[in-house]
């Protein structure tokens, strides 16, 4: 585990077409900067991890349980463990910061991209 690293040097986890997450793992949690291409869709899913996040750039049409809204830079969200959620990036794409507890161990199985320039900063 590195103590310091630039986001651009982290190999992204390729979550699905148009969605890449640059993750940093601690002992008990994962932090990720996630880039979503314009109109990228994250279909409904759920996971054991509690998830907290906020929008850095762009917009995100987000549903958590039965709550739905369009999020803008600076808007936050809380997703309790096992609550279904889905999202669609706006026409300009979106970048979010997410924190998961416990670790996103399932991401270890995902294909990884090469280090590259992220959408942010």
Protein backbone atom coordinates (compact mmCIF):
# COMPACT_ATOMS: atom_id res chain seq x y z
CA UNK A 1 0.00 0.00 0.00
CA UNK A 2 1.42 3.37 -1.02
CA UNK A 3 0.96 6.28 1.35
CA UNK A 4 0.85 8.89 -1.46
CA UNK A 5 -0.08 8.57 -5.15
CA UNK A 6 -1.35 10.82 -7.95
CA UNK A 7 -4.73 9.81 -9.38
CA UNK A 8 -3.26 9.80 -12.90
CA UNK A 9 -0.85 7.02 -11.85
CA UNK A 10 -3.56 4.65 -10.57
CA UNK A 11 -4.64 1.92 -13.00
CA UNK A 12 -8.43 2.28 -13.33
CA UNK A 13 -10.82 -0.58 -12.64
CA UNK A 14 -13.03 -0.88 -15.74
CA UNK A 15 -16.42 -1.14 -14.03
CA UNK A 16 -18.37 -1.36 -17.31
CA UNK A 17 -18.39 0.42 -20.67
CA UNK A 18 -17.87 4.12 -20.06
CA UNK A 19 -17.21 3.82 -16.30
CA UNK A 20 -13.72 3.66 -14.77
CA UNK A 21 -12.79 3.84 -11.07
CA UNK A 22 -9.35 4.76 -9.76
CA UNK A 23 -9.38 3.18 -6.31
CA UNK A 24 -7.22 3.50 -3.23
CA UNK A 25 -7.60 0.78 -0.60
CA UNK A 26 -6.86 1.13 3.08
CA UNK A 27 -7.22 -1.65 5.60
CA UNK A 28 -11.01 -1.33 5.97
CA UNK A 29 -12.28 1.00 3.25
CA UNK A 30 -11.95 1.92 -0.41
CA UNK A 31 -11.88 5.45 -1.82
CA UNK A 32 -12.41 5.89 -5.56
CA UNK A 33 -12.54 8.66 -8.11
CA UNK A 34 -14.98 7.43 -10.75
CA UNK A 35 -15.20 8.83 -14.29
CA UNK A 36 -18.42 8.26 -16.21
CA UNK A 37 -18.48 9.02 -19.93
CA UNK A 38 -21.41 11.09 -21.29
CA UNK A 39 -24.71 9.25 -20.79
CA UNK A 40 -22.97 6.19 -19.26
CA UNK A 41 -25.44 3.96 -17.42
CA UNK A 42 -24.83 2.07 -14.21
CA UNK A 43 -27.77 -0.35 -14.01
CA UNK A 44 -29.54 -1.14 -10.78
CA UNK A 45 -27.37 -3.11 -8.40
CA UNK A 46 -26.58 -3.41 -4.70
CA UNK A 47 -23.63 -4.50 -2.60
CA UNK A 48 -22.71 -5.15 1.00
CA UNK A 49 -20.62 -1.97 1.10
CA UNK A 50 -21.96 1.22 2.60
CA UNK A 51 -21.20 3.96 0.06
CA UNK A 52 -20.76 7.70 0.54
CA UNK A 53 -19.95 10.06 -2.28
CA UNK A 54 -20.17 13.44 -3.94
CA UNK A 55 -20.16 14.83 -7.45
CA UNK A 56 -16.96 16.58 -8.48
CA UNK A 57 -17.79 17.44 -12.10
CA UNK A 58 -20.80 17.08 -14.42
CA UNK A 59 -24.25 15.78 -13.52
CA UNK A 60 -25.63 12.41 -12.47
CA UNK A 61 -29.24 11.21 -12.58
CA UNK A 62 -29.21 9.03 -9.46
CA UNK A 63 -31.70 6.71 -7.76
CA UNK A 64 -31.07 5.24 -4.31
CA UNK A 65 -33.91 3.02 -3.14
CA UNK A 66 -37.03 5.05 -3.99
CA UNK A 67 -35.26 8.45 -3.85
CA UNK A 68 -34.29 9.94 -7.20
CA UNK A 69 -32.71 13.24 -8.24
CA UNK A 70 -30.22 14.88 -10.56
CA UNK A 71 -26.97 15.60 -8.72
CA UNK A 72 -24.58 18.47 -9.52
CA UNK A 73 -21.03 19.31 -8.39
CA UNK A 74 -20.95 19.48 -4.60
CA UNK A 75 -24.05 17.29 -4.10
CA UNK A 76 -23.58 14.28 -1.81
CA UNK A 77 -25.21 10.87 -1.49
CA UNK A 78 -25.42 8.07 1.06
CA UNK A 79 -26.16 4.49 0.03
CA UNK A 80 -26.72 2.07 2.91
CA UNK A 81 -25.57 -1.53 2.60
CA UNK A 82 -27.66 -3.68 0.20
CA UNK A 83 -29.91 -0.80 -0.98
CA UNK A 84 -30.57 -0.98 -4.75
CA UNK A 85 -29.30 2.02 -6.73
CA UNK A 86 -28.66 3.08 -10.31
CA UNK A 87 -27.23 6.10 -12.12
CA UNK A 88 -26.92 7.74 -15.54
CA UNK A 89 -24.27 10.35 -16.28
CA UNK A 90 -25.34 13.62 -17.85
CA UNK A 91 -24.57 14.60 -21.46
CA UNK A 92 -21.17 16.04 -20.46
CA UNK A 93 -20.21 13.00 -18.37
CA UNK A 94 -19.55 13.00 -14.65
CA UNK A 95 -16.79 12.49 -12.08
CA UNK A 96 -17.61 11.42 -8.53
CA UNK A 97 -15.64 10.61 -5.40
CA UNK A 98 -16.87 7.49 -3.57
CA UNK A 99 -15.92 5.90 -0.27
CA UNK A 100 -16.89 2.30 0.49
CA UNK A 101 -16.77 0.31 3.72
CA UNK A 102 -15.78 -2.46 3.86
CA UNK A 103 -13.27 -2.67 0.99
CA UNK A 104 -14.56 -3.21 -2.56
CA UNK A 105 -12.89 -6.62 -2.69
CA UNK A 106 -15.03 -7.55 -5.72
CA UNK A 107 -13.20 -4.95 -7.83
CA UNK A 108 -10.00 -7.03 -7.61
CA UNK A 109 -11.51 -9.34 -10.26
CA UNK A 110 -12.20 -6.52 -12.75
CA UNK A 111 -10.11 -5.77 -15.82
CA UNK A 112 -7.74 -2.83 -15.27
CA UNK A 113 -6.75 -0.08 -17.66
CA UNK A 114 -3.34 1.51 -17.90
CA UNK A 115 -2.58 4.69 -15.95
CA UNK A 116 -3.98 7.65 -17.88
CA UNK A 117 -5.14 11.20 -17.49
CA UNK A 118 -8.43 11.18 -15.55
CA UNK A 119 -11.32 13.57 -16.30
CA UNK A 120 -10.46 15.38 -13.08
CA UNK A 121 -8.42 17.24 -11.89
